[in-house]
Amino acid sequence: MQFNFASVVLVTQVDCHLARRFGATGMTISVTRRAALIGLATCIALPVCAQTPSRPKDAEGFATLEQPAVFEIAANTGSLKETVPKGQQLAWRPKGGPSDGGFRMSNISVAFLRSESGGQVKMTFSGNVSSLGYLTSEEAKLNVNVRAKGGASLHSWSLGISVKCADKDQPLTPLTHDVPTDVAANVFTNVSTVEVAEPAEPNFPGVKVQRCN
């Protein structure tokens, strides 16, 4: 509550004048008037104190991946293996938001390129992104899990992608990753499938997103 000192001083001066002129009766009137003025000042101050900044509804929240995508791997040449496209997509939906909102990734490809010497293997991740009414406030984190026939994990790679409101089937700049040399030969020889999923941490909240204007 705000207190107006200047108003109280003015009221006090008026009270003294009234008291000298009208005696006790004037004093009673001035006390009543003083209470009324202080009460009015309080009423004026309270709305100012009660004002709090409001946050736009749904301005920011989190989106999560509906389900991971699994790809089979096929050999194109002796030094190149690549995922087999079967229309797999990754779709993120806002928590508590519309089922058709968020963003998605399509035309996904993961390739394994082995050097001529065979000791180095480079992985490449690419795809197209589309906004479905949301943009990413931070990178959407993904894990690329390389698995052998039977499901055993051979290697994993963590990466991030960003989405803007204007993205409509926008090709990503391909992301590359050097497989550690101690496992490179085993990964290239035995890779059977690749799973692309969100981080598996129990408390992972999803990717921070904002609604497009």
C-alpha atoms as a PDB file:
ATOM      1  CA  MET A   1       0.000   0.000   0.000  1.00  0.00           C
ATOM      2  CA  GLN A   2       1.342   3.443  -0.957  1.00  0.00           C
ATOM      3  CA  PHE A   3       1.256   6.300   1.632  1.00  0.00           C
ATOM      4  CA  ASN A   4       0.919   9.895   0.427  1.00  0.00           C
ATOM      5  CA  PHE A   5       2.797  12.017   2.998  1.00  0.00           C
ATOM      6  CA  ALA A   6       1.992  15.347   1.273  1.00  0.00           C
ATOM      7  CA  SER A   7      -1.750  14.666   1.488  1.00  0.00           C
ATOM      8  CA  VAL A   8      -1.533  13.916   5.220  1.00  0.00           C
ATOM      9  CA  VAL A   9       0.387  17.164   5.881  1.00  0.00           C
ATOM     10  CA  LEU A  10      -2.226  19.166   3.981  1.00  0.00           C
ATOM     11  CA  VAL A  11      -5.065  17.516   5.879  1.00  0.00           C
ATOM     12  CA  THR A  12      -3.317  18.201   9.217  1.00  0.00           C
ATOM     13  CA  GLN A  13      -2.970  21.910   8.415  1.00  0.00           C
ATOM     14  CA  VAL A  14      -6.676  22.150   7.525  1.00  0.00           C
ATOM     15  CA  ASP A  15      -7.551  20.307  10.753  1.00  0.00           C
ATOM     16  CA  CYS A  16      -5.689  22.845  12.923  1.00  0.00           C
ATOM     17  CA  HIS A  17      -7.452  25.767  11.234  1.00  0.00           C
ATOM     18  CA  LEU A  18     -10.860  24.163  11.695  1.00  0.00           C
ATOM     19  CA  ALA A  19     -10.118  23.341  15.330  1.00  0.00           C
ATOM     20  CA  ARG A  20      -9.272  26.955  16.149  1.00  0.00           C
ATOM     21  CA  ARG A  21     -12.372  28.225  14.378  1.00  0.00           C
ATOM     22  CA  PHE A  22     -15.031  25.709  15.395  1.00  0.00           C
ATOM     23  CA  GLY A  23     -13.605  24.090  18.533  1.00  0.00           C
ATOM     24  CA  ALA A  24     -14.412  20.469  19.356  1.00  0.00           C
ATOM     25  CA  THR A  25     -17.167  20.215  16.743  1.00  0.00           C
ATOM     26  CA  GLY A  26     -14.810  21.342  14.042  1.00  0.00           C
ATOM     27  CA  MET A  27     -12.240  18.835  15.273  1.00  0.00           C
ATOM     28  CA  THR A  28     -14.798  16.030  14.950  1.00  0.00           C
ATOM     29  CA  ILE A  29     -15.579  17.098  11.400  1.00  0.00           C
ATOM     30  CA  SER A  30     -11.877  17.296  10.511  1.00  0.00           C
ATOM     31  CA  VAL A  31     -11.139  13.822  11.919  1.00  0.00           C
ATOM     32  CA  THR A  32     -13.983  12.385   9.855  1.00  0.00           C
ATOM     33  CA  ARG A  33     -12.698  14.183   6.775  1.00  0.00           C
ATOM     34  CA  ARG A  34      -9.159  13.003   7.444  1.00  0.00           C
ATOM     35  CA  ALA A  35     -10.316   9.373   7.637  1.00  0.00           C
ATOM     36  CA  ALA A  36     -12.221   9.780   4.373  1.00  0.00           C
ATOM     37  CA  LEU A  37      -9.200  11.272   2.574  1.00  0.00           C
ATOM     38  CA  ILE A  38      -6.808   8.574   3.833  1.00  0.00           C
ATOM     39  CA  GLY A  39      -9.297   5.906   2.817  1.00  0.00           C
ATOM     40  CA  LEU A  40      -9.540   7.451  -0.656  1.00  0.00           C
ATOM     41  CA  ALA A  41      -5.753   7.518  -0.988  1.00  0.00           C
ATOM     42  CA  THR A  42      -5.661   3.830  -0.020  1.00  0.00           C
ATOM     43  CA  CYS A  43      -8.257   2.932  -2.658  1.00  0.00           C
ATOM     44  CA  ILE A  44      -6.256   4.759  -5.316  1.00  0.00           C
ATOM     45  CA  ALA A  45      -2.997   3.032  -4.361  1.00  0.00           C
ATOM     46  CA  LEU A  46      -4.278  -0.551  -4.142  1.00  0.00           C
ATOM     47  CA  PRO A  47      -4.899  -1.141  -7.871  1.00  0.00           C
ATOM     48  CA  VAL A  48      -1.323  -0.093  -8.606  1.00  0.00           C
ATOM     49  CA  CYS A  49       0.006  -2.660  -6.135  1.00  0.00           C
ATOM     50  CA  ALA A  50      -2.305  -5.370  -7.480  1.00  0.00           C
ATOM     51  CA  GLN A  51      -1.045  -5.102 -11.060  1.00  0.00           C
ATOM     52  CA  THR A  52       1.232  -7.990 -12.068  1.00  0.00           C
ATOM     53  CA  PRO A  53       2.735  -8.648 -15.503  1.00  0.00           C
ATOM     54  CA  SER A  54       0.811 -11.290 -17.392  1.00  0.00           C
ATOM     55  CA  ARG A  55       2.461 -13.952 -19.533  1.00  0.00           C
ATOM     56  CA  PRO A  56       0.950 -14.658 -22.959  1.00  0.00           C
ATOM     57  CA  LYS A  57      -0.959 -17.921 -22.927  1.00  0.00           C
ATOM     58  CA  ASP A  58       0.853 -20.801 -24.656  1.00  0.00           C
ATOM     59  CA  ALA A  59       3.776 -18.496 -25.474  1.00  0.00           C
ATOM     60  CA  GLU A  60       6.260 -21.198 -24.607  1.00  0.00           C
ATOM     61  CA  GLY A  61       6.088 -24.857 -23.666  1.00  0.00           C
ATOM     62  CA  PHE A  62       7.545 -28.271 -24.471  1.00  0.00           C
ATOM     63  CA  ALA A  63       7.022 -30.748 -27.290  1.00  0.00           C
ATOM     64  CA  THR A  64       7.852 -34.451 -27.261  1.00  0.00           C
ATOM     65  CA  LEU A  65       8.524 -37.008 -29.971  1.00  0.00           C
ATOM     66  CA  GLU A  66       5.503 -39.212 -30.698  1.00  0.00           C
ATOM     67  CA  GLN A  67       7.615 -42.318 -31.346  1.00  0.00           C
ATOM     68  CA  PRO A  68      11.117 -43.211 -32.551  1.00  0.00           C
ATOM     69  CA  ALA A  69      11.847 -44.208 -36.132  1.00  0.00           C
ATOM     70  CA  VAL A  70      13.662 -47.443 -37.038  1.00  0.00           C
ATOM     71  CA  PHE A  71      15.521 -47.891 -40.329  1.00  0.00           C
ATOM     72  CA  GLU A  72      17.020 -50.938 -41.994  1.00  0.00           C
ATOM     73  CA  ILE A  73      20.502 -50.572 -43.438  1.00  0.00           C
ATOM     74  CA  ALA A  74      21.439 -51.634 -46.953  1.00  0.00           C
ATOM     75  CA  ALA A  75      24.828 -51.625 -48.692  1.00  0.00           C
ATOM     76  CA  ASN A  76      25.006 -49.355 -51.748  1.00  0.00           C
ATOM     77  CA  THR A  77      28.668 -49.999 -52.535  1.00  0.00           C
ATOM     78  CA  GLY A  78      31.571 -51.637 -50.769  1.00  0.00           C
ATOM     79  CA  SER A  79      32.281 -48.437 -48.834  1.00  0.00           C
ATOM     80  CA  LEU A  80      28.760 -46.978 -48.409  1.00  0.00           C
ATOM     81  CA  LYS A  81      25.787 -48.210 -46.365  1.00  0.00           C
ATOM     82  CA  GLU A  82      22.563 -46.264 -45.996  1.00  0.00           C
ATOM     83  CA  THR A  83      19.119 -46.445 -44.395  1.00  0.00           C
ATOM     84  CA  VAL A  84      16.262 -47.844 -46.480  1.00  0.00           C
ATOM     85  CA  PRO A  85      13.502 -45.220 -46.837  1.00  0.00           C
ATOM     86  CA  LYS A  86       9.991 -46.515 -46.122  1.00  0.00           C
ATOM     87  CA  GLY A  87       8.199 -43.227 -45.397  1.00  0.00           C
ATOM     88  CA  GLN A  88       9.412 -43.013 -41.786  1.00  0.00           C
ATOM     89  CA  GLN A  89       8.860 -39.657 -40.089  1.00  0.00           C
ATOM     90  CA  LEU A  90       9.587 -38.061 -36.747  1.00  0.00           C
ATOM     91  CA  ALA A  91       6.758 -35.923 -35.328  1.00  0.00           C
ATOM     92  CA  TRP A  92       6.901 -33.723 -32.231  1.00  0.00           C
ATOM     93  CA  ARG A  93       3.653 -32.671 -30.510  1.00  0.00           C
ATOM     94  CA  PRO A  94       3.275 -29.918 -27.894  1.00  0.00           C
ATOM     95  CA  LYS A  95       2.393 -31.145 -24.419  1.00  0.00           C
ATOM     96  CA  GLY A  96      -1.258 -30.379 -23.787  1.00  0.00           C
ATOM     97  CA  GLY A  97      -1.566 -28.773 -27.223  1.00  0.00           C
ATOM     98  CA  PRO A  98      -3.344 -29.665 -30.476  1.00  0.00           C
ATOM     99  CA  SER A  99      -2.686 -33.110 -31.920  1.00  0.00           C
ATOM    100  CA  ASP A 100      -1.822 -31.619 -35.320  1.00  0.00           C
ATOM    101  CA  GLY A 101       0.624 -28.981 -33.976  1.00  0.00           C
ATOM    102  CA  GLY A 102       4.362 -29.064 -33.385  1.00  0.00           C
ATOM    103  CA  PHE A 103       6.879 -29.908 -36.122  1.00  0.00           C
ATOM    104  CA  ARG A 104       8.071 -32.947 -38.054  1.00  0.00           C
ATOM    105  CA  MET A 105      11.017 -34.393 -39.923  1.00  0.00           C
ATOM    106  CA  SER A 106      10.764 -36.471 -43.093  1.00  0.00           C
ATOM    107  CA  ASN A 107      13.018 -37.896 -45.825  1.00  0.00           C
ATOM    108  CA  ILE A 108      15.412 -39.018 -43.089  1.00  0.00           C
ATOM    109  CA  SER A 109      18.685 -40.657 -44.078  1.00  0.00           C
ATOM    110  CA  VAL A 110      21.596 -42.051 -42.076  1.00  0.00           C
ATOM    111  CA  ALA A 111      24.641 -43.109 -44.078  1.00  0.00           C
ATOM    112  CA  PHE A 112      27.918 -44.861 -43.200  1.00  0.00           C
ATOM    113  CA  LEU A 113      30.924 -44.055 -45.386  1.00  0.00           C
ATOM    114  CA  ARG A 114      34.097 -46.083 -44.893  1.00  0.00           C
ATOM    115  CA  SER A 115      37.501 -44.773 -45.944  1.00  0.00           C
ATOM    116  CA  GLU A 116      39.571 -46.608 -48.526  1.00  0.00           C
ATOM    117  CA  SER A 117      41.875 -47.922 -45.817  1.00  0.00           C
ATOM    118  CA  GLY A 118      38.875 -49.216 -43.857  1.00  0.00           C
ATOM    119  CA  GLY A 119      40.011 -47.710 -40.565  1.00  0.00           C
ATOM    120  CA  GLN A 120      37.703 -44.682 -40.559  1.00  0.00           C
ATOM    121  CA  VAL A 121      33.914 -44.503 -40.767  1.00  0.00           C
ATOM    122  CA  LYS A 122      31.930 -41.297 -41.076  1.00  0.00           C
ATOM    123  CA  MET A 123      28.202 -41.145 -40.285  1.00  0.00           C
ATOM    124  CA  THR A 124      25.925 -38.598 -41.971  1.00  0.00           C
ATOM    125  CA  PHE A 125      22.433 -37.584 -40.846  1.00  0.00           C
ATOM    126  CA  SER A 126      20.083 -35.626 -43.117  1.00  0.00           C
ATOM    127  CA  GLY A 127      16.380 -34.937 -43.641  1.00  0.00           C
ATOM    128  CA  ASN A 128      13.716 -32.287 -44.216  1.00  0.00           C
ATOM    129  CA  VAL A 129      11.967 -30.319 -41.452  1.00  0.00           C
ATOM    130  CA  SER A 130       8.534 -28.674 -41.440  1.00  0.00           C
ATOM    131  CA  SER A 131       6.915 -26.423 -38.865  1.00  0.00           C
ATOM    132  CA  LEU A 132       3.323 -27.308 -37.951  1.00  0.00           C
ATOM    133  CA  GLY A 133       2.717 -24.037 -36.134  1.00  0.00           C
ATOM    134  CA  TYR A 134       5.668 -24.132 -33.710  1.00  0.00           C
ATOM    135  CA  LEU A 135       9.369 -23.262 -33.714  1.00  0.00           C
ATOM    136  CA  THR A 136      12.112 -24.656 -31.498  1.00  0.00           C
ATOM    137  CA  SER A 137      13.489 -22.332 -28.791  1.00  0.00           C
ATOM    138  CA  GLU A 138      16.421 -24.711 -28.410  1.00  0.00           C
ATOM    139  CA  GLU A 139      17.725 -27.608 -30.482  1.00  0.00           C
ATOM    140  CA  ALA A 140      15.612 -30.754 -30.544  1.00  0.00           C
ATOM    141  CA  LYS A 141      17.933 -33.445 -29.219  1.00  0.00           C
ATOM    142  CA  LEU A 142      18.074 -36.860 -30.901  1.00  0.00           C
ATOM    143  CA  ASN A 143      20.038 -40.057 -30.341  1.00  0.00           C
ATOM    144  CA  VAL A 144      21.039 -42.171 -33.332  1.00  0.00           C
ATOM    145  CA  ASN A 145      21.440 -45.731 -32.030  1.00  0.00           C
ATOM    146  CA  VAL A 146      23.347 -48.140 -34.285  1.00  0.00           C
ATOM    147  CA  ARG A 147      22.337 -51.771 -33.727  1.00  0.00           C
ATOM    148  CA  ALA A 148      23.551 -55.134 -34.952  1.00  0.00           C
ATOM    149  CA  LYS A 149      21.300 -57.942 -36.148  1.00  0.00           C
ATOM    150  CA  GLY A 150      19.454 -59.098 -33.028  1.00  0.00           C
ATOM    151  CA  GLY A 151      19.385 -55.619 -31.451  1.00  0.00           C
ATOM    152  CA  ALA A 152      22.783 -55.341 -29.756  1.00  0.00           C
ATOM    153  CA  SER A 153      23.989 -51.729 -29.554  1.00  0.00           C
ATOM    154  CA  LEU A 154      27.144 -51.009 -31.538  1.00  0.00           C
ATOM    155  CA  HIS A 155      27.395 -47.234 -31.208  1.00  0.00           C
ATOM    156  CA  SER A 156      25.313 -44.118 -30.509  1.00  0.00           C
ATOM    157  CA  TRP A 157      25.493 -40.528 -31.697  1.00  0.00           C
ATOM    158  CA  SER A 158      23.748 -37.492 -30.168  1.00  0.00           C
ATOM    159  CA  LEU A 159      22.765 -34.531 -32.342  1.00  0.00           C
ATOM    160  CA  GLY A 160      20.374 -31.564 -32.437  1.00  0.00           C
ATOM    161  CA  ILE A 161      18.134 -29.921 -35.019  1.00  0.00           C
ATOM    162  CA  SER A 162      16.406 -26.510 -35.125  1.00  0.00           C
ATOM    163  CA  VAL A 163      13.061 -25.566 -36.690  1.00  0.00           C
ATOM    164  CA  LYS A 164      11.816 -22.122 -37.762  1.00  0.00           C
ATOM    165  CA  CYS A 165       8.241 -21.034 -38.448  1.00  0.00           C
ATOM    166  CA  ALA A 166       8.967 -20.621 -42.166  1.00  0.00           C
ATOM    167  CA  ASP A 167      10.329 -24.172 -42.576  1.00  0.00           C
ATOM    168  CA  LYS A 168       8.205 -26.185 -45.014  1.00  0.00           C
ATOM    169  CA  ASP A 169       9.982 -29.378 -46.040  1.00  0.00           C
ATOM    170  CA  GLN A 170      13.251 -27.492 -45.550  1.00  0.00           C
ATOM    171  CA  PRO A 171      16.388 -29.636 -46.154  1.00  0.00           C
ATOM    172  CA  LEU A 172      18.755 -29.751 -43.195  1.00  0.00           C
ATOM    173  CA  THR A 173      22.429 -29.111 -43.657  1.00  0.00           C
ATOM    174  CA  PRO A 174      23.771 -32.689 -43.318  1.00  0.00           C
ATOM    175  CA  LEU A 175      25.316 -33.435 -39.928  1.00  0.00           C
ATOM    176  CA  THR A 176      28.426 -35.619 -39.791  1.00  0.00           C
ATOM    177  CA  HIS A 177      30.052 -37.704 -37.080  1.00  0.00           C
ATOM    178  CA  ASP A 178      33.347 -39.611 -37.000  1.00  0.00           C
ATOM    179  CA  VAL A 179      32.909 -43.065 -35.471  1.00  0.00           C
ATOM    180  CA  PRO A 180      35.728 -43.767 -32.979  1.00  0.00           C
ATOM    181  CA  THR A 181      38.459 -45.762 -34.707  1.00  0.00           C
ATOM    182  CA  ASP A 182      38.405 -48.546 -32.106  1.00  0.00           C
ATOM    183  CA  VAL A 183      34.819 -49.484 -33.044  1.00  0.00           C
ATOM    184  CA  ALA A 184      34.606 -48.173 -36.626  1.00  0.00           C
ATOM    185  CA  ALA A 185      35.298 -51.467 -38.405  1.00  0.00           C
ATOM    186  CA  ASN A 186      32.845 -53.380 -36.193  1.00  0.00           C
ATOM    187  CA  VAL A 187      30.120 -50.748 -36.702  1.00  0.00           C
ATOM    188  CA  PHE A 188      30.433 -50.741 -40.495  1.00  0.00           C
ATOM    189  CA  THR A 189      30.588 -54.531 -40.791  1.00  0.00           C
ATOM    190  CA  ASN A 190      27.747 -55.440 -38.415  1.00  0.00           C
ATOM    191  CA  VAL A 191      25.270 -52.547 -38.589  1.00  0.00           C
ATOM    192  CA  SER A 192      21.769 -53.864 -39.352  1.00  0.00           C
ATOM    193  CA  THR A 193      19.366 -51.163 -38.157  1.00  0.00           C
ATOM    194  CA  VAL A 194      19.433 -47.593 -36.929  1.00  0.00           C
ATOM    195  CA  GLU A 195      16.962 -46.189 -34.387  1.00  0.00           C
ATOM    196  CA  VAL A 196      16.430 -42.416 -34.138  1.00  0.00           C
ATOM    197  CA  ALA A 197      14.841 -41.428 -30.811  1.00  0.00           C
ATOM    198  CA  GLU A 198      14.723 -38.791 -28.092  1.00  0.00           C
ATOM    199  CA  PRO A 199      17.204 -39.002 -25.183  1.00  0.00           C
ATOM    200  CA  ALA A 200      16.263 -41.821 -22.842  1.00  0.00           C
ATOM    201  CA  GLU A 201      16.749 -39.900 -19.568  1.00  0.00           C
ATOM    202  CA  PRO A 202      13.761 -40.528 -17.218  1.00  0.00           C
ATOM    203  CA  ASN A 203      13.159 -36.817 -16.524  1.00  0.00           C
ATOM    204  CA  PHE A 204      13.755 -35.551 -20.062  1.00  0.00           C
ATOM    205  CA  PRO A 205      11.073 -32.819 -20.517  1.00  0.00           C
ATOM    206  CA  GLY A 206      11.190 -32.649 -24.319  1.00  0.00           C
ATOM    207  CA  VAL A 207      12.236 -29.771 -26.548  1.00  0.00           C
ATOM    208  CA  LYS A 208      11.341 -26.177 -25.656  1.00  0.00           C
ATOM    209  CA  VAL A 209       9.089 -24.669 -28.320  1.00  0.00           C
ATOM    210  CA  GLN A 210       7.100 -21.508 -29.047  1.00  0.00           C
ATOM    211  CA  ARG A 211       3.877 -21.041 -30.991  1.00  0.00           C
ATOM    212  CA  CYS A 212       4.334 -19.221 -34.309  1.00  0.00           C
ATOM    213  CA  ASN A 213       2.461 -15.907 -34.663  1.00  0.00           C
END
